[in-house]
Amino acid sequence: MIRIVAFDFEASALAHGFPVSIGVAKSDGTMYHALIKPDDEWLTPEYTWDPVAATMHGYSVERLRAEGLTPAQVIDELNGMFAGEAFASDAPAADFAWLRTLVDAADAEARFDVRRVGLDAVQTMIEDEVAMHGDARREISRLRGQMHTHNALSDAASWIAALEAIEAWSAEGKDLRASVRVFQKWKEHVATHLVGQRVLTQYDAALRDLSKR
């Protein structure tokens, strides 16, 4: 089984933005999710708060200030949980830039590394290794897409689910029902984690239904 740590940021804007939340998911089921309290510097004209992005991630500056962890707290927790690990994302350039912004604001050193290869390339490599055909590839991508809710944890976990679903398809005689069960497991895991963390709002209500799909 492939061992990888997937991470994802939601940000205030694609260009000149700052991170508003981070999600991390590991193959062994370890998860991390945090809202990020904006550093004072991020709320200056140098940085952008895009209302369109806000409608996607669903957070307000007021909520981030009230419920978010400081950058220093986030980096400290990530170091405690993932020291020595290599992170990967589906948008390495953007996510690395937001991680750099977070680390700089924390005035700390990240004790984990970031791979520069995208998770889409990792998925393709695994699909090629098991000779997954086109229809099955498309179904895995569709199932992964269902988990993309613009919640950082759900988005990160969707990639772990996809990689495990490919392996399950291969191990269970090329049966997509095995892949569906993998996604179901991860959806339930994400939903339970987020409900337990009490970060859900009315906007995030779709996440409550992840385990039911």
C-alpha atoms as a PDB file:
ATOM      1  CA  MET A   1       0.000   0.000   0.000  1.00  0.00           C
ATOM      2  CA  ILE A   2       1.294   3.424  -0.897  1.00  0.00           C
ATOM      3  CA  ARG A   3       2.250   5.593   2.076  1.00  0.00           C
ATOM      4  CA  ILE A   4       1.715   9.280   1.529  1.00  0.00           C
ATOM      5  CA  VAL A   5       0.598  12.396   3.403  1.00  0.00           C
ATOM      6  CA  ALA A   6      -1.802  14.617   1.477  1.00  0.00           C
ATOM      7  CA  PHE A   7      -2.399  18.230   2.431  1.00  0.00           C
ATOM      8  CA  ASP A   8      -4.593  21.025   1.172  1.00  0.00           C
ATOM      9  CA  PHE A   9      -5.099  24.698   1.907  1.00  0.00           C
ATOM     10  CA  GLU A  10      -8.106  26.898   1.463  1.00  0.00           C
ATOM     11  CA  ALA A  11      -7.002  30.472   0.903  1.00  0.00           C
ATOM     12  CA  SER A  12      -8.372  33.998   0.867  1.00  0.00           C
ATOM     13  CA  ALA A  13      -7.549  34.382  -2.837  1.00  0.00           C
ATOM     14  CA  LEU A  14      -5.697  32.544  -5.573  1.00  0.00           C
ATOM     15  CA  ALA A  15      -3.374  35.488  -6.145  1.00  0.00           C
ATOM     16  CA  HIS A  16      -1.804  37.388  -3.223  1.00  0.00           C
ATOM     17  CA  GLY A  17      -3.940  35.455  -0.768  1.00  0.00           C
ATOM     18  CA  PHE A  18      -3.281  33.993   2.653  1.00  0.00           C
ATOM     19  CA  PRO A  19      -4.214  30.570   4.072  1.00  0.00           C
ATOM     20  CA  VAL A  20      -7.527  30.327   5.904  1.00  0.00           C
ATOM     21  CA  SER A  21      -7.561  26.582   6.657  1.00  0.00           C
ATOM     22  CA  ILE A  22      -5.387  23.510   6.286  1.00  0.00           C
ATOM     23  CA  GLY A  23      -6.235  19.843   6.078  1.00  0.00           C
ATOM     24  CA  VAL A  24      -3.831  16.888   6.259  1.00  0.00           C
ATOM     25  CA  ALA A  25      -4.654  13.205   5.761  1.00  0.00           C
ATOM     26  CA  LYS A  26      -2.324  10.241   6.078  1.00  0.00           C
ATOM     27  CA  SER A  27      -2.687   6.695   4.792  1.00  0.00           C
ATOM     28  CA  ASP A  28      -2.864   5.297   8.330  1.00  0.00           C
ATOM     29  CA  GLY A  29      -5.967   7.394   9.022  1.00  0.00           C
ATOM     30  CA  THR A  30      -4.269  10.238  10.858  1.00  0.00           C
ATOM     31  CA  MET A  31      -6.019  13.542  10.156  1.00  0.00           C
ATOM     32  CA  TYR A  32      -5.473  17.185  10.968  1.00  0.00           C
ATOM     33  CA  HIS A  33      -7.671  20.178  10.246  1.00  0.00           C
ATOM     34  CA  ALA A  34      -7.478  23.755  11.486  1.00  0.00           C
ATOM     35  CA  LEU A  35      -8.908  27.146  10.727  1.00  0.00           C
ATOM     36  CA  ILE A  36      -6.131  29.723  10.676  1.00  0.00           C
ATOM     37  CA  LYS A  37      -6.341  33.018  12.533  1.00  0.00           C
ATOM     38  CA  PRO A  38      -5.138  35.740  10.158  1.00  0.00           C
ATOM     39  CA  ASP A  39      -1.835  37.336  11.010  1.00  0.00           C
ATOM     40  CA  ASP A  40      -2.135  41.123  11.288  1.00  0.00           C
ATOM     41  CA  GLU A  41       0.057  41.527   8.207  1.00  0.00           C
ATOM     42  CA  TRP A  42      -2.362  39.439   6.146  1.00  0.00           C
ATOM     43  CA  LEU A  43      -5.119  41.983   6.703  1.00  0.00           C
ATOM     44  CA  THR A  44      -3.220  44.748   4.947  1.00  0.00           C
ATOM     45  CA  PRO A  45      -3.606  45.839   1.302  1.00  0.00           C
ATOM     46  CA  GLU A  46      -0.615  43.651   0.414  1.00  0.00           C
ATOM     47  CA  TYR A  47      -2.912  40.620   0.680  1.00  0.00           C
ATOM     48  CA  THR A  48      -6.226  39.928  -1.032  1.00  0.00           C
ATOM     49  CA  TRP A  49      -9.553  38.810   0.427  1.00  0.00           C
ATOM     50  CA  ASP A  50     -11.535  37.578  -2.563  1.00  0.00           C
ATOM     51  CA  PRO A  51     -15.315  37.438  -1.967  1.00  0.00           C
ATOM     52  CA  VAL A  52     -15.608  34.736  -4.622  1.00  0.00           C
ATOM     53  CA  ALA A  53     -13.093  32.557  -2.766  1.00  0.00           C
ATOM     54  CA  ALA A  54     -14.997  33.220   0.457  1.00  0.00           C
ATOM     55  CA  THR A  55     -18.194  31.822  -1.054  1.00  0.00           C
ATOM     56  CA  MET A  56     -16.251  28.648  -1.859  1.00  0.00           C
ATOM     57  CA  HIS A  57     -14.492  28.001   1.462  1.00  0.00           C
ATOM     58  CA  GLY A  58     -17.341  29.507   3.499  1.00  0.00           C
ATOM     59  CA  TYR A  59     -15.299  31.314   6.165  1.00  0.00           C
ATOM     60  CA  SER A  60     -15.324  34.966   7.171  1.00  0.00           C
ATOM     61  CA  VAL A  61     -12.489  36.998   8.645  1.00  0.00           C
ATOM     62  CA  GLU A  62     -14.557  37.336  11.814  1.00  0.00           C
ATOM     63  CA  ARG A  63     -14.930  33.583  12.160  1.00  0.00           C
ATOM     64  CA  LEU A  64     -11.253  32.983  11.492  1.00  0.00           C
ATOM     65  CA  ARG A  65     -10.349  35.520  14.159  1.00  0.00           C
ATOM     66  CA  ALA A  66     -12.726  33.924  16.653  1.00  0.00           C
ATOM     67  CA  GLU A  67     -12.086  30.236  15.986  1.00  0.00           C
ATOM     68  CA  GLY A  68      -8.776  30.022  14.142  1.00  0.00           C
ATOM     69  CA  LEU A  69      -5.459  28.912  15.566  1.00  0.00           C
ATOM     70  CA  THR A  70      -2.527  31.264  15.240  1.00  0.00           C
ATOM     71  CA  PRO A  71       0.073  30.367  12.599  1.00  0.00           C
ATOM     72  CA  ALA A  72       2.493  29.449  15.382  1.00  0.00           C
ATOM     73  CA  GLN A  73      -0.028  27.055  16.921  1.00  0.00           C
ATOM     74  CA  VAL A  74      -0.724  25.399  13.556  1.00  0.00           C
ATOM     75  CA  ILE A  75       2.948  24.852  12.755  1.00  0.00           C
ATOM     76  CA  ASP A  76       3.597  23.566  16.274  1.00  0.00           C
ATOM     77  CA  GLU A  77       0.770  21.040  15.947  1.00  0.00           C
ATOM     78  CA  LEU A  78       1.839  19.959  12.466  1.00  0.00           C
ATOM     79  CA  ASN A  79       5.415  19.480  13.663  1.00  0.00           C
ATOM     80  CA  GLY A  80       4.166  17.402  16.564  1.00  0.00           C
ATOM     81  CA  MET A  81       2.067  15.131  14.357  1.00  0.00           C
ATOM     82  CA  PHE A  82       4.043  14.957  11.105  1.00  0.00           C
ATOM     83  CA  ALA A  83       7.722  15.596  11.838  1.00  0.00           C
ATOM     84  CA  GLY A  84       9.877  13.946   9.183  1.00  0.00           C
ATOM     85  CA  GLU A  85       6.948  13.318   6.836  1.00  0.00           C
ATOM     86  CA  ALA A  86       6.796  14.370   3.187  1.00  0.00           C
ATOM     87  CA  PHE A  87       3.615  16.232   2.238  1.00  0.00           C
ATOM     88  CA  ALA A  88       2.068  16.177  -1.224  1.00  0.00           C
ATOM     89  CA  SER A  89      -0.813  18.142  -2.723  1.00  0.00           C
ATOM     90  CA  ASP A  90      -2.714  18.484  -5.972  1.00  0.00           C
ATOM     91  CA  ALA A  91      -1.390  22.039  -6.427  1.00  0.00           C
ATOM     92  CA  PRO A  92       2.217  21.964  -5.183  1.00  0.00           C
ATOM     93  CA  ALA A  93       3.185  25.494  -6.246  1.00  0.00           C
ATOM     94  CA  ALA A  94       0.187  27.217  -4.659  1.00  0.00           C
ATOM     95  CA  ASP A  95       0.101  25.086  -1.521  1.00  0.00           C
ATOM     96  CA  PHE A  96       3.840  25.474  -0.968  1.00  0.00           C
ATOM     97  CA  ALA A  97       3.471  29.262  -1.251  1.00  0.00           C
ATOM     98  CA  TRP A  98       0.671  29.289   1.341  1.00  0.00           C
ATOM     99  CA  LEU A  99       2.695  27.003   3.597  1.00  0.00           C
ATOM    100  CA  ARG A 100       5.599  29.421   3.289  1.00  0.00           C
ATOM    101  CA  THR A 101       3.282  32.284   4.224  1.00  0.00           C
ATOM    102  CA  LEU A 102       2.105  30.310   7.252  1.00  0.00           C
ATOM    103  CA  VAL A 103       5.631  29.377   8.352  1.00  0.00           C
ATOM    104  CA  ASP A 104       6.876  32.943   7.998  1.00  0.00           C
ATOM    105  CA  ALA A 105       3.997  34.296  10.074  1.00  0.00           C
ATOM    106  CA  ALA A 106       4.659  31.644  12.714  1.00  0.00           C
ATOM    107  CA  ASP A 107       8.353  32.589  12.819  1.00  0.00           C
ATOM    108  CA  ALA A 108       9.046  28.892  13.105  1.00  0.00           C
ATOM    109  CA  GLU A 109      10.589  26.050  11.152  1.00  0.00           C
ATOM    110  CA  ALA A 110       8.509  23.301   9.608  1.00  0.00           C
ATOM    111  CA  ARG A 111       9.894  19.884  10.504  1.00  0.00           C
ATOM    112  CA  PHE A 112       8.240  18.261   7.506  1.00  0.00           C
ATOM    113  CA  ASP A 113       8.930  18.533   3.789  1.00  0.00           C
ATOM    114  CA  VAL A 114       6.790  19.193   0.726  1.00  0.00           C
ATOM    115  CA  ARG A 115       7.067  17.100  -2.423  1.00  0.00           C
ATOM    116  CA  ARG A 116       7.002  19.034  -5.664  1.00  0.00           C
ATOM    117  CA  VAL A 117       5.123  16.302  -7.563  1.00  0.00           C
ATOM    118  CA  GLY A 118       1.363  16.713  -7.753  1.00  0.00           C
ATOM    119  CA  LEU A 119      -1.013  14.098  -6.389  1.00  0.00           C
ATOM    120  CA  ASP A 120      -2.627  13.821  -9.811  1.00  0.00           C
ATOM    121  CA  ALA A 121       0.693  12.544 -11.142  1.00  0.00           C
ATOM    122  CA  VAL A 122       0.951  10.073  -8.245  1.00  0.00           C
ATOM    123  CA  GLN A 123      -2.564   8.822  -8.999  1.00  0.00           C
ATOM    124  CA  THR A 124      -1.742   8.347 -12.681  1.00  0.00           C
ATOM    125  CA  MET A 125       1.425   6.455 -11.789  1.00  0.00           C
ATOM    126  CA  ILE A 126      -0.465   4.047  -9.528  1.00  0.00           C
ATOM    127  CA  GLU A 127      -3.212   3.577 -12.130  1.00  0.00           C
ATOM    128  CA  ASP A 128      -0.569   2.734 -14.718  1.00  0.00           C
ATOM    129  CA  GLU A 129       1.117   0.253 -12.370  1.00  0.00           C
ATOM    130  CA  VAL A 130      -2.081  -1.736 -11.882  1.00  0.00           C
ATOM    131  CA  ALA A 131      -3.192  -1.351 -15.526  1.00  0.00           C
ATOM    132  CA  MET A 132      -6.411   0.415 -14.587  1.00  0.00           C
ATOM    133  CA  HIS A 133      -8.574   0.974 -17.684  1.00  0.00           C
ATOM    134  CA  GLY A 134     -10.253   4.181 -18.765  1.00  0.00           C
ATOM    135  CA  ASP A 135     -13.746   3.582 -17.384  1.00  0.00           C
ATOM    136  CA  ALA A 136     -12.403   2.637 -13.966  1.00  0.00           C
ATOM    137  CA  ARG A 137     -10.062   5.641 -13.946  1.00  0.00           C
ATOM    138  CA  ARG A 138     -12.961   7.923 -14.707  1.00  0.00           C
ATOM    139  CA  GLU A 139     -15.048   6.409 -11.928  1.00  0.00           C
ATOM    140  CA  ILE A 140     -12.260   6.860  -9.381  1.00  0.00           C
ATOM    141  CA  SER A 141     -11.891  10.485 -10.446  1.00  0.00           C
ATOM    142  CA  ARG A 142     -15.655  10.966 -10.156  1.00  0.00           C
ATOM    143  CA  LEU A 143     -15.696   9.504  -6.655  1.00  0.00           C
ATOM    144  CA  ARG A 144     -12.778  11.702  -5.657  1.00  0.00           C
ATOM    145  CA  GLY A 145     -14.554  14.723  -7.094  1.00  0.00           C
ATOM    146  CA  GLN A 146     -17.544  14.027  -4.850  1.00  0.00           C
ATOM    147  CA  MET A 147     -15.289  14.528  -1.830  1.00  0.00           C
ATOM    148  CA  HIS A 148     -14.048  17.919  -3.043  1.00  0.00           C
ATOM    149  CA  THR A 149     -16.237  20.263  -1.007  1.00  0.00           C
ATOM    150  CA  HIS A 150     -13.688  23.092  -0.638  1.00  0.00           C
ATOM    151  CA  ASN A 151     -13.055  21.882   2.875  1.00  0.00           C
ATOM    152  CA  ALA A 152      -9.306  21.423   3.222  1.00  0.00           C
ATOM    153  CA  LEU A 153      -9.548  18.130   5.123  1.00  0.00           C
ATOM    154  CA  SER A 154     -12.099  16.553   2.810  1.00  0.00           C
ATOM    155  CA  ASP A 155     -10.098  17.626  -0.230  1.00  0.00           C
ATOM    156  CA  ALA A 156      -6.847  16.222   1.177  1.00  0.00           C
ATOM    157  CA  ALA A 157      -8.483  12.964   2.252  1.00  0.00           C
ATOM    158  CA  SER A 158     -10.056  12.527  -1.177  1.00  0.00           C
ATOM    159  CA  TRP A 159      -6.602  11.872  -2.628  1.00  0.00           C
ATOM    160  CA  ILE A 160      -5.730   9.256  -0.017  1.00  0.00           C
ATOM    161  CA  ALA A 161      -9.100   7.641  -0.706  1.00  0.00           C
ATOM    162  CA  ALA A 162      -8.414   7.644  -4.455  1.00  0.00           C
ATOM    163  CA  LEU A 163      -5.023   5.974  -4.089  1.00  0.00           C
ATOM    164  CA  GLU A 164      -6.394   3.338  -1.727  1.00  0.00           C
ATOM    165  CA  ALA A 165      -9.399   2.806  -4.009  1.00  0.00           C
ATOM    166  CA  ILE A 166      -7.088   2.067  -6.942  1.00  0.00           C
ATOM    167  CA  GLU A 167      -5.225  -0.502  -4.883  1.00  0.00           C
ATOM    168  CA  ALA A 168      -8.499  -2.038  -3.701  1.00  0.00           C
ATOM    169  CA  TRP A 169      -9.747  -2.268  -7.302  1.00  0.00           C
ATOM    170  CA  SER A 170      -6.610  -4.166  -8.249  1.00  0.00           C
ATOM    171  CA  ALA A 171      -6.565  -6.417  -5.192  1.00  0.00           C
ATOM    172  CA  GLU A 172     -10.251  -7.344  -5.436  1.00  0.00           C
ATOM    173  CA  GLY A 173     -10.233  -8.578  -9.006  1.00  0.00           C
ATOM    174  CA  LYS A 174     -10.801  -5.194 -10.682  1.00  0.00           C
ATOM    175  CA  ASP A 175     -14.081  -4.721  -8.826  1.00  0.00           C
ATOM    176  CA  LEU A 176     -15.130  -1.078  -8.436  1.00  0.00           C
ATOM    177  CA  ARG A 177     -17.378  -2.003  -5.540  1.00  0.00           C
ATOM    178  CA  ALA A 178     -14.211  -2.358  -3.488  1.00  0.00           C
ATOM    179  CA  SER A 179     -13.222   1.167  -4.517  1.00  0.00           C
ATOM    180  CA  VAL A 180     -16.621   2.535  -3.520  1.00  0.00           C
ATOM    181  CA  ARG A 181     -16.218   0.980  -0.060  1.00  0.00           C
ATOM    182  CA  VAL A 182     -12.868   2.735   0.342  1.00  0.00           C
ATOM    183  CA  PHE A 183     -14.397   6.113  -0.442  1.00  0.00           C
ATOM    184  CA  GLN A 184     -17.290   5.402   1.927  1.00  0.00           C
ATOM    185  CA  LYS A 185     -14.812   4.671   4.721  1.00  0.00           C
ATOM    186  CA  TRP A 186     -12.917   7.908   4.164  1.00  0.00           C
ATOM    187  CA  LYS A 187     -16.090   9.991   3.851  1.00  0.00           C
ATOM    188  CA  GLU A 188     -17.255   8.676   7.210  1.00  0.00           C
ATOM    189  CA  HIS A 189     -13.832   9.307   8.720  1.00  0.00           C
ATOM    190  CA  VAL A 190     -13.766  12.912   7.478  1.00  0.00           C
ATOM    191  CA  ALA A 191     -17.331  13.633   8.563  1.00  0.00           C
ATOM    192  CA  THR A 192     -16.732  12.198  12.041  1.00  0.00           C
ATOM    193  CA  HIS A 193     -13.520  14.176  12.451  1.00  0.00           C
ATOM    194  CA  LEU A 194     -15.067  17.475  11.402  1.00  0.00           C
ATOM    195  CA  VAL A 195     -18.192  17.028  13.482  1.00  0.00           C
ATOM    196  CA  GLY A 196     -16.008  16.131  16.455  1.00  0.00           C
ATOM    197  CA  GLN A 197     -13.933  19.220  15.855  1.00  0.00           C
ATOM    198  CA  ARG A 198     -17.103  21.345  15.812  1.00  0.00           C
ATOM    199  CA  VAL A 199     -16.024  23.388  12.808  1.00  0.00           C
ATOM    200  CA  LEU A 200     -19.179  22.764  10.792  1.00  0.00           C
ATOM    201  CA  THR A 201     -21.515  25.645  10.042  1.00  0.00           C
ATOM    202  CA  GLN A 202     -24.664  25.886   7.960  1.00  0.00           C
ATOM    203  CA  TYR A 203     -22.440  26.446   4.916  1.00  0.00           C
ATOM    204  CA  ASP A 204     -20.594  23.214   5.677  1.00  0.00           C
ATOM    205  CA  ALA A 205     -23.782  21.197   6.058  1.00  0.00           C
ATOM    206  CA  ALA A 206     -22.971  19.115   2.966  1.00  0.00           C
ATOM    207  CA  LEU A 207     -20.102  17.575   4.922  1.00  0.00           C
ATOM    208  CA  ARG A 208     -22.578  16.094   7.356  1.00  0.00           C
ATOM    209  CA  ASP A 209     -23.975  14.082   4.478  1.00  0.00           C
ATOM    210  CA  LEU A 210     -20.632  12.776   3.226  1.00  0.00           C
ATOM    211  CA  SER A 211     -20.988   9.522   5.123  1.00  0.00           C
ATOM    212  CA  LYS A 212     -24.462   8.981   3.635  1.00  0.00           C
ATOM    213  CA  ARG A 213     -23.488   9.161  -0.047  1.00  0.00           C
END
